Protein backbone atom coordinates (compact mmCIF):
# COMPACT_ATOMS: atom_id res chain seq x y z
CA UNK A 1 0.00 0.29 -0.33
CA UNK A 2 1.14 3.20 -1.04
CA UNK A 3 1.19 5.39 2.34
CA UNK A 4 2.38 8.75 2.90
CA UNK A 5 5.25 6.97 5.65
CA UNK A 6 6.57 4.83 2.38
CA UNK A 7 6.71 8.44 0.29
CA UNK A 8 8.93 10.09 2.91
CA UNK A 9 10.79 7.03 2.71
CA UNK A 10 11.05 7.06 -0.77
CA UNK A 11 12.84 10.86 -0.57
CA UNK A 12 11.72 13.62 -2.36
CA UNK A 13 10.98 14.16 -6.06
CA UNK A 14 10.74 16.76 -7.84
CA UNK A 15 7.93 17.07 -9.90
CA UNK A 16 7.49 20.45 -12.59
CA UNK A 17 4.80 23.20 -11.90
CA UNK A 18 2.91 22.40 -14.95
CA UNK A 19 2.59 18.80 -14.03
CA UNK A 20 1.31 20.12 -10.22
CA UNK A 21 -1.06 22.24 -11.58
CA UNK A 22 -2.93 19.43 -13.82
CA UNK A 23 -3.17 16.79 -11.37
CA UNK A 24 -6.31 16.98 -9.49
CA UNK A 25 -6.93 17.48 -5.45
CA UNK A 26 -4.78 14.69 -3.47
CA UNK A 27 -7.67 12.14 -1.32
CA UNK A 28 -8.29 12.43 2.13
CA UNK A 29 -5.61 10.20 3.93
CA UNK A 30 -6.11 6.85 4.51
CA UNK A 31 -6.88 5.37 8.26
CA UNK A 32 -4.24 4.76 10.06
CA UNK A 33 -4.09 2.72 12.98
CA UNK A 34 -1.74 5.14 15.30
CA UNK A 35 0.06 3.46 17.86
CA UNK A 36 2.12 4.77 21.40
CA UNK A 37 3.89 2.88 24.11
CA UNK A 38 6.22 -0.58 23.80
CA UNK A 39 6.01 -3.22 22.24
CA UNK A 40 9.12 -5.76 22.06
CA UNK A 41 10.02 -7.50 19.38
CA UNK A 42 8.88 -11.00 20.73
CA UNK A 43 5.04 -10.20 21.64
CA UNK A 44 4.45 -8.18 18.46
CA UNK A 45 2.01 -10.81 17.39
CA UNK A 46 -0.44 -9.70 20.80
CA UNK A 47 -0.11 -6.14 18.73
CA UNK A 48 -0.80 -7.24 15.74
CA UNK A 49 -3.88 -8.49 16.90
CA UNK A 50 -4.76 -4.98 18.89
CA UNK A 51 -4.03 -2.89 15.60
CA UNK A 52 -6.72 -5.31 12.95
CA UNK A 53 -9.22 -5.74 15.35
CA UNK A 54 -9.30 -1.86 15.74
CA UNK A 55 -9.36 -1.09 12.44
CA UNK A 56 -11.99 -3.98 11.69
CA UNK A 57 -14.18 -2.05 14.60
CA UNK A 58 -13.16 0.95 13.90
CA UNK A 59 -12.21 1.88 17.47
CA UNK A 60 -11.45 4.99 17.84
CA UNK A 61 -9.58 4.37 21.42
CA UNK A 62 -8.20 0.95 23.11
CA UNK A 63 -5.00 0.23 24.70
CA UNK A 64 -2.80 -3.28 25.78
CA UNK A 65 -0.94 -4.15 28.32
CA UNK A 66 0.59 -7.99 29.03
CA UNK A 67 2.06 -8.73 31.92
CA UNK A 68 4.45 -11.88 32.87
CA UNK A 69 5.44 -13.54 36.41
CA UNK A 70 4.86 -9.82 37.83
CA UNK A 71 6.54 -7.70 35.28
CA UNK A 72 5.30 -5.54 32.62
CA UNK A 73 6.27 -6.54 28.98
CA UNK A 74 4.24 -5.05 26.57
CA UNK A 75 2.24 -1.85 26.97
CA UNK A 76 0.71 0.17 24.43
CA UNK A 77 -2.48 3.20 23.68
CA UNK A 78 -3.60 2.60 20.12
CA UNK A 79 -5.54 5.82 17.65
CA UNK A 80 -7.70 4.61 14.69
CA UNK A 81 -8.58 7.71 12.64
CA UNK A 82 -10.80 8.15 9.64
CA UNK A 83 -10.27 12.15 9.77
CA UNK A 84 -14.34 12.23 10.16
CA UNK A 85 -12.83 13.27 14.27
CA UNK A 86 -10.08 14.35 15.94
CA UNK A 87 -9.56 11.81 18.10
CA UNK A 88 -6.46 12.58 21.21
CA UNK A 89 -3.76 10.62 21.07
CA UNK A 90 -4.38 7.19 23.48
CA UNK A 91 -1.31 6.53 25.55
CA UNK A 92 -0.58 3.38 27.63
CA UNK A 93 -1.53 5.59 30.52
CA UNK A 94 -4.74 7.02 29.18
CA UNK A 95 -7.79 6.51 31.60
CA UNK A 96 -10.67 4.54 30.07
CA UNK A 97 -13.88 3.38 32.06
CA UNK A 98 -13.28 -0.40 32.15
CA UNK A 99 -17.65 -1.50 33.59
CA UNK A 100 -17.75 -4.87 34.96
CA UNK A 101 -13.56 -5.39 35.10
CA UNK A 102 -15.18 -3.73 38.66
CA UNK A 103 -16.84 -6.59 40.14
CA UNK A 104 -13.51 -7.74 40.82
CA UNK A 105 -11.79 -4.66 42.65
CA UNK A 106 -15.44 -5.34 44.80
CA UNK A 107 -14.74 -8.36 45.32
CA UNK A 108 -11.71 -8.17 46.53
CA UNK A 109 -12.34 -5.52 48.92
CA UNK A 110 -15.49 -7.95 50.62
CA UNK A 111 -12.46 -10.64 50.75
CA UNK A 112 -10.15 -7.53 53.04
CA UNK A 113 -12.84 -6.83 55.39
CA UNK A 114 -13.62 -10.57 55.79
CA UNK A 115 -9.76 -11.26 56.39
CA UNK A 116 -9.54 -7.91 59.19
CA UNK A 117 -11.96 -9.47 60.96
CA UNK A 118 -15.10 -7.13 60.50
CA UNK A 119 -17.46 -8.97 57.99
CA UNK A 120 -18.64 -12.76 57.92
CA UNK A 121 -19.31 -14.20 54.29
CA UNK A 122 -22.07 -15.44 55.97
CA UNK A 123 -23.28 -12.28 57.41
CA UNK A 124 -27.01 -11.23 56.15
CA UNK A 125 -27.66 -8.59 53.28
CA UNK A 126 -30.79 -8.09 55.13
CA UNK A 127 -28.86 -7.14 58.31
CA UNK A 128 -26.32 -5.86 57.24
CA UNK A 129 -27.67 -3.23 55.87
CA UNK A 130 -31.13 -2.49 58.03
CA UNK A 131 -33.94 -3.58 54.73
CA UNK A 132 -36.48 -5.25 55.00
CA UNK A 133 -37.39 -6.68 51.90
CA UNK A 134 -41.30 -7.16 50.53
CA UNK A 135 -40.08 -10.39 49.55
CA UNK A 136 -39.05 -12.01 52.43
CA UNK A 137 -36.75 -14.42 50.63
CA UNK A 138 -34.73 -11.84 50.30
CA UNK A 139 -33.39 -12.22 54.31
CA UNK A 140 -32.00 -15.58 52.37
CA UNK A 141 -29.17 -13.51 50.88
CA UNK A 142 -25.35 -13.49 52.03
CA UNK A 143 -22.55 -11.37 51.00
CA UNK A 144 -20.57 -14.24 49.16
CA UNK A 145 -24.38 -15.31 47.63
CA UNK A 146 -24.31 -11.57 45.83
CA UNK A 147 -20.31 -12.16 45.44
CA UNK A 148 -21.20 -15.07 42.91
CA UNK A 149 -24.56 -13.95 41.28
CA UNK A 150 -26.64 -16.55 43.46
CA UNK A 151 -28.98 -13.43 45.03
CA UNK A 152 -31.82 -13.82 43.11
CA UNK A 153 -32.57 -11.44 40.73
CA UNK A 154 -32.95 -12.26 37.51
CA UNK A 155 -32.62 -9.30 34.96
CA UNK A 156 -34.06 -11.63 31.69
CA UNK A 157 -37.20 -12.62 33.78
CA UNK A 158 -38.07 -9.25 35.05
CA UNK A 159 -36.67 -7.18 32.72
CA UNK A 160 -35.15 -4.48 34.59
CA UNK A 161 -31.76 -4.05 35.59
CA UNK A 162 -31.86 -1.84 38.79
CA UNK A 163 -28.28 0.15 37.24
CA UNK A 164 -30.54 0.91 34.02
CA UNK A 165 -34.28 2.12 35.42
CA UNK A 166 -33.49 5.24 36.48
CA UNK A 167 -36.25 6.84 34.85
CA UNK A 168 -38.53 4.48 36.20
CA UNK A 169 -37.51 4.48 39.45
CA UNK A 170 -37.51 8.14 39.71
CA UNK A 171 -41.25 7.75 38.61
CA UNK A 172 -42.44 5.07 41.14
CA UNK A 173 -40.77 7.01 44.27
CA UNK A 174 -41.00 10.35 42.95
CA UNK A 175 -38.23 11.17 43.49
CA UNK A 176 -35.95 13.62 41.12
CA UNK A 177 -33.30 12.57 38.47
CA UNK A 178 -30.15 12.16 39.46
CA UNK A 179 -31.50 9.65 41.71
CA UNK A 180 -29.18 7.49 44.50
CA UNK A 181 -28.02 4.51 45.67
CA UNK A 182 -30.38 4.35 48.28
CA UNK A 183 -33.49 5.07 46.29
CA UNK A 184 -32.36 2.18 43.93
CA UNK A 185 -32.22 0.08 46.89
CA UNK A 186 -35.52 1.27 47.81
CA UNK A 187 -37.19 0.88 44.63
CA UNK A 188 -35.73 -3.07 44.72
CA UNK A 189 -36.19 -4.10 48.10
CA UNK A 190 -40.15 -3.50 47.34
CA UNK A 191 -40.18 -5.61 44.18
CA UNK A 192 -39.89 -9.62 44.47
CA UNK A 193 -37.32 -11.38 43.81
CA UNK A 194 -37.17 -13.43 40.61
CA UNK A 195 -35.55 -16.45 41.98
CA UNK A 196 -34.54 -17.79 45.53
CA UNK A 197 -31.09 -17.12 47.11
CA UNK A 198 -28.37 -20.16 45.80
CA UNK A 199 -31.32 -21.64 44.26
CA UNK A 200 -29.11 -20.68 40.48
CA UNK A 201 -26.42 -17.94 39.14
CA UNK A 202 -27.53 -15.38 37.45
CA UNK A 203 -25.92 -12.18 36.88
CA UNK A 204 -27.25 -9.59 39.11
CA UNK A 205 -25.43 -5.74 38.38
CA UNK A 206 -27.10 -4.93 41.45
CA UNK A 207 -25.69 -7.04 43.68
CA UNK A 208 -22.64 -5.46 43.46
CA UNK A 209 -23.97 -2.48 43.84
CA UNK A 210 -25.05 -3.86 47.33
CA UNK A 211 -21.53 -5.25 47.94
CA UNK A 212 -20.76 -1.28 47.77
CA UNK A 213 -23.24 -0.17 50.48
CA UNK A 214 -22.41 -3.00 52.46
CA UNK A 215 -18.19 -2.20 52.35
CA UNK A 216 -19.55 1.69 53.02
CA UNK A 217 -21.35 0.31 55.99
CA UNK A 218 -18.67 -1.97 57.36
CA UNK A 219 -15.62 0.04 56.49
CA UNK A 220 -17.07 3.29 57.86
CA UNK A 221 -15.55 4.68 54.33
CA UNK A 222 -16.96 5.87 51.18
CA UNK A 223 -16.18 3.15 48.83
CA UNK A 224 -13.45 4.14 46.81
CA UNK A 225 -11.61 5.48 49.59
CA UNK A 226 -11.99 2.15 50.57
CA UNK A 227 -10.22 0.55 47.76
CA UNK A 228 -7.83 3.10 47.02
CA UNK A 229 -6.69 3.05 50.68
CA UNK A 230 -6.67 -1.32 51.63
CA UNK A 231 -6.11 -2.48 47.90
CA UNK A 232 -4.59 -0.04 45.29
CA UNK A 233 -2.23 1.45 47.43
CA UNK A 234 -0.23 -1.23 48.60
CA UNK A 235 -0.04 -2.41 44.62
CA UNK A 236 1.02 1.63 43.74
CA UNK A 237 -1.82 2.41 41.48
CA UNK A 238 -2.99 5.93 41.80
CA UNK A 239 -3.98 6.68 38.80
CA UNK A 240 -7.52 4.50 38.98
CA UNK A 241 -10.89 6.57 39.74
CA UNK A 242 -14.77 6.61 40.25
CA UNK A 243 -15.44 7.85 36.52
CA UNK A 244 -17.96 11.02 36.04
CA UNK A 245 -21.21 10.91 33.75
CA UNK A 246 -20.39 13.77 31.59
CA UNK A 247 -18.41 14.16 29.00
CA UNK A 248 -17.18 18.25 30.69
CA UNK A 249 -16.65 16.31 34.00
CA UNK A 250 -14.13 13.96 32.65
CA UNK A 251 -10.75 12.73 34.43
CA UNK A 252 -7.17 14.34 33.04
CA UNK A 253 -6.26 11.99 30.59
CA UNK A 254 -9.58 9.90 29.97
CA UNK A 255 -10.45 8.95 26.90
CA UNK A 256 -14.20 9.61 24.50
CA UNK A 257 -16.18 7.96 24.53
CA UNK A 258 -18.54 6.32 21.47
CA UNK A 259 -21.47 4.87 20.51
CA UNK A 260 -24.11 4.69 17.58
CA UNK A 261 -26.82 5.32 20.53
CA UNK A 262 -28.50 8.72 22.45
CA UNK A 263 -30.77 8.55 25.46
CA UNK A 264 -32.52 10.71 27.25
CA UNK A 265 -30.74 12.30 30.05
CA UNK A 266 -30.71 10.60 33.67
CA UNK A 267 -28.27 13.34 35.30
CA UNK A 268 -31.63 15.63 35.38
CA UNK A 269 -35.29 16.47 34.14
CA UNK A 270 -34.87 18.10 31.74
CA UNK A 271 -35.36 15.40 28.89
CA UNK A 272 -32.48 16.59 26.94
CA UNK A 273 -31.50 13.56 24.42
CA UNK A 274 -27.95 13.14 24.50
CA UNK A 275 -24.96 10.06 23.79
CA UNK A 276 -25.93 7.73 25.36
CA UNK A 277 -22.35 7.56 27.29
CA UNK A 278 -22.51 10.58 28.31
CA UNK A 279 -25.54 10.84 30.68
CA UNK A 280 -27.32 7.91 29.33
CA UNK A 281 -26.37 6.62 32.61
CA UNK A 282 -25.21 7.48 36.19
CA UNK A 283 -21.59 6.86 36.52
CA UNK A 284 -21.31 7.46 40.35
CA UNK A 285 -24.57 5.41 40.98
CA UNK A 286 -22.21 2.43 38.91
CA UNK A 287 -19.34 2.41 41.26
CA UNK A 288 -19.00 -0.93 42.94
CA UNK A 289 -20.28 -2.84 39.22
CA UNK A 290 -18.70 -1.05 36.76
CA UNK A 291 -17.60 2.58 37.58
CA UNK A 292 -14.56 2.49 37.54
CA UNK A 293 -11.75 4.52 35.56
CA UNK A 294 -8.67 2.76 35.21
CA UNK A 295 -5.79 2.54 32.64
CA UNK A 296 -4.39 -1.59 30.91
CA UNK A 297 -1.14 -1.05 32.87
CA UNK A 298 -3.34 -0.34 35.96
CA UNK A 299 -5.16 -3.41 35.69
CA UNK A 300 -2.43 -5.60 34.87
CA UNK A 301 -1.02 -4.47 37.89
CA UNK A 302 -3.70 -4.68 40.27
CA UNK A 303 -4.14 -8.36 38.92
CA UNK A 304 -0.93 -8.94 41.56
CA UNK A 305 -3.12 -8.54 44.40
CA UNK A 306 -4.26 -12.19 43.16
CA UNK A 307 -1.16 -13.30 42.54
CA UNK A 308 1.25 -12.45 45.22
CA UNK A 309 -0.90 -13.16 48.52
CA UNK A 310 0.42 -10.83 51.64
CA UNK A 311 0.51 -7.85 48.90
CA UNK A 312 -3.37 -7.44 49.35
CA UNK A 313 -5.39 -10.62 50.20
CA UNK A 314 -3.74 -13.36 52.27
CA UNK A 315 -3.58 -16.55 50.07
CA UNK A 316 -6.63 -17.92 52.19
CA UNK A 317 -8.90 -14.95 51.65
CA UNK A 318 -8.21 -15.40 48.10
CA UNK A 319 -9.13 -18.98 47.34
CA UNK A 320 -12.47 -18.29 49.38
CA UNK A 321 -12.82 -15.41 46.70
CA UNK A 322 -12.49 -18.48 43.44
CA UNK A 323 -13.40 -21.08 45.33
CA UNK A 324 -16.86 -22.99 43.57
CA UNK A 325 -20.22 -21.97 44.27
CA UNK A 326 -22.96 -23.65 45.78
CA UNK A 327 -24.82 -24.00 42.70
CA UNK A 328 -23.44 -22.87 39.17
CA UNK A 329 -20.79 -24.69 37.59
CA UNK A 330 -21.03 -24.69 33.67
CA UNK A 331 -21.06 -27.63 31.69
CA UNK A 332 -17.71 -26.84 30.61
CA UNK A 333 -16.59 -26.65 34.35
CA UNK A 334 -15.81 -22.87 34.64
CA UNK A 335 -17.73 -21.03 37.18
CA UNK A 336 -18.33 -17.54 38.73
CA UNK A 337 -15.88 -17.16 42.01
CA UNK A 338 -15.92 -13.21 43.48
CA UNK A 339 -15.80 -10.99 40.79
CA UNK A 340 -14.05 -13.30 37.92
CA UNK A 341 -15.18 -16.12 35.74
CA UNK A 342 -12.68 -19.37 37.27
CA UNK A 343 -11.25 -22.38 35.80
CA UNK A 344 -9.00 -25.33 36.34
CA UNK A 345 -6.34 -25.38 33.91
CA UNK A 346 -3.47 -27.25 34.21
CA UNK A 347 -2.80 -26.87 37.59
CA UNK A 348 -3.77 -23.22 37.93
CA UNK A 349 -6.96 -21.54 38.44
CA UNK A 350 -7.50 -18.78 35.18
CA UNK A 351 -9.70 -15.88 36.07
CA UNK A 352 -11.33 -13.97 33.11
CA UNK A 353 -13.76 -11.19 32.75
CA UNK A 354 -15.46 -8.22 30.74
CA UNK A 355 -16.85 -5.60 30.98
CA UNK A 356 -19.54 -3.91 28.71
CA UNK A 357 -21.35 -0.64 28.89
CA UNK A 358 -22.08 1.76 26.31
CA UNK A 359 -18.83 3.65 24.72
CA UNK A 360 -16.68 1.02 26.43
CA UNK A 361 -15.70 -2.91 26.51
CA UNK A 362 -13.05 -4.21 28.18
CA UNK A 363 -11.20 -7.80 28.82
CA UNK A 364 -9.14 -9.02 31.47
CA UNK A 365 -7.55 -12.22 32.03
CA UNK A 366 -5.29 -14.12 34.71
CA UNK A 367 -3.75 -17.15 32.89
CA UNK A 368 -1.55 -20.48 33.17
CA UNK A 369 2.43 -19.62 32.74
CA UNK A 370 1.85 -16.63 34.35
CA UNK A 371 0.96 -14.14 32.67
CA UNK A 372 -1.98 -11.65 32.09
CA UNK A 373 -3.46 -8.87 29.57
CA UNK A 374 -5.87 -6.05 29.86
CA UNK A 375 -7.49 -4.81 26.98
CA UNK A 376 -9.58 -1.66 27.32
CA UNK A 377 -11.72 -0.29 24.13
CA UNK A 378 -14.12 2.39 23.93
CA UNK A 379 -16.86 1.83 22.52
CA UNK A 380 -18.64 -1.66 22.81
CA UNK A 381 -20.34 -3.76 20.16
CA UNK A 382 -23.36 -2.54 18.73
CA UNK A 383 -26.13 -3.60 16.18
CA UNK A 384 -24.29 -3.82 12.47
CA UNK A 385 -20.84 -4.31 13.75
CA UNK A 386 -18.34 -6.68 13.69
CA UNK A 387 -18.64 -9.17 17.04
CA UNK A 388 -16.49 -7.97 20.04
CA UNK A 389 -16.15 -11.19 22.29
CA UNK A 390 -13.78 -12.52 19.99
CA UNK A 391 -10.12 -10.55 21.45
CA UNK A 392 -9.97 -12.95 24.34
CA UNK A 393 -9.53 -16.04 21.72
CA UNK A 394 -7.77 -14.27 19.34
CA UNK A 395 -5.22 -13.25 22.02
CA UNK A 396 -4.59 -16.31 23.62
CA UNK A 397 -3.89 -17.83 19.69
CA UNK A 398 -0.46 -15.64 19.44
CA UNK A 399 2.34 -18.28 20.38
CA UNK A 400 5.16 -16.71 22.08
CA UNK A 401 8.50 -18.88 21.29
CA UNK A 402 10.41 -16.31 24.39
CA UNK A 403 9.10 -13.66 26.39
CA UNK A 404 11.45 -10.20 27.27
CA UNK A 405 13.53 -9.63 29.71
CA UNK A 406 12.60 -5.72 30.50
CA UNK A 407 9.92 -4.66 32.73
CA UNK A 408 8.11 -1.55 32.29
CA UNK A 409 6.92 -1.64 35.55
CA UNK A 410 8.93 1.46 36.63
CA UNK A 411 7.66 3.58 33.31
CA UNK A 412 4.24 3.61 34.87
CA UNK A 413 4.53 3.27 38.67
């Protein structure tokens, strides 16, 4: 392909003025994937996967980080631009919303409270939070059942995900927008469960909202402050924070989010139609379920909380967090531990999770042979776009004959 870079490499050639005048105007430059950061030659396969992935899906902002045996060996930012919109450069430390990758952070915070003797996994949620539920079966919901999605809420049955019902809750409770955590809990507590707690596993964002409130009640700190001080600080992670809803509230270095969809704002009563990622949902309300901002290097650094017992959690705490649930082991032998999907592979518990909300798709995995990776994108799969859920298969298929000895950790922490 004849690109501007190839022309420059070939050297400038003098062209007569008359010839230049006769030529038609040059076409707009072809879209390219621009990169920042470092990819050792041994890991070029991962870099190539990301370049092809973002180009095929026209994802304007992305990141990848790879860790091997506790060392960050690849850190990349990707920008794909068609020229139709000005997209700032993406660096390895740019911040992205990571959606449900927040869940393993929340579960780790719960386990830290358990480890410190301040909370029991068998404690009843209604007792901890002082709730009087309309459905008495909620008295069977324990902290552990919330962590493992066994609490009794099924958004497919009820057609309701409590984290995405702002207008419904506002109208039902006659409270103004934006609604609060307390409003969401009050609304949900007044409705019946969809199944008996502990009888099956169904993914529940609301269960993790409740875990966030338990962390606050037991610790006496805000959810964000507790996580930062007890979990992130010991690992030297300082960039991560809870995101905000509106574009003008973005953190320094945070990327732009993109979606083809719009929504009525949930941030006030105006009824204004907004880009879905900017006011179509309330980010602070998503905190323990899906509210964190992070970079890919932050996320792979975070996996050390599970790979290095003693830094944040003890070996016993990690084992409890990843243990098989009372029900819900799949036919493939995987199960949902605290904030992670888990599978036994060659003597190692592989763990992984994705995250998805309008303007965000993310993936984090800890795999056998001591390597982890995080990939983050500023849009998710929508109508008419190629499948996004192939990133793990593509990354896992990369063959590495030898891992680089270079450690990039000190560059970013």
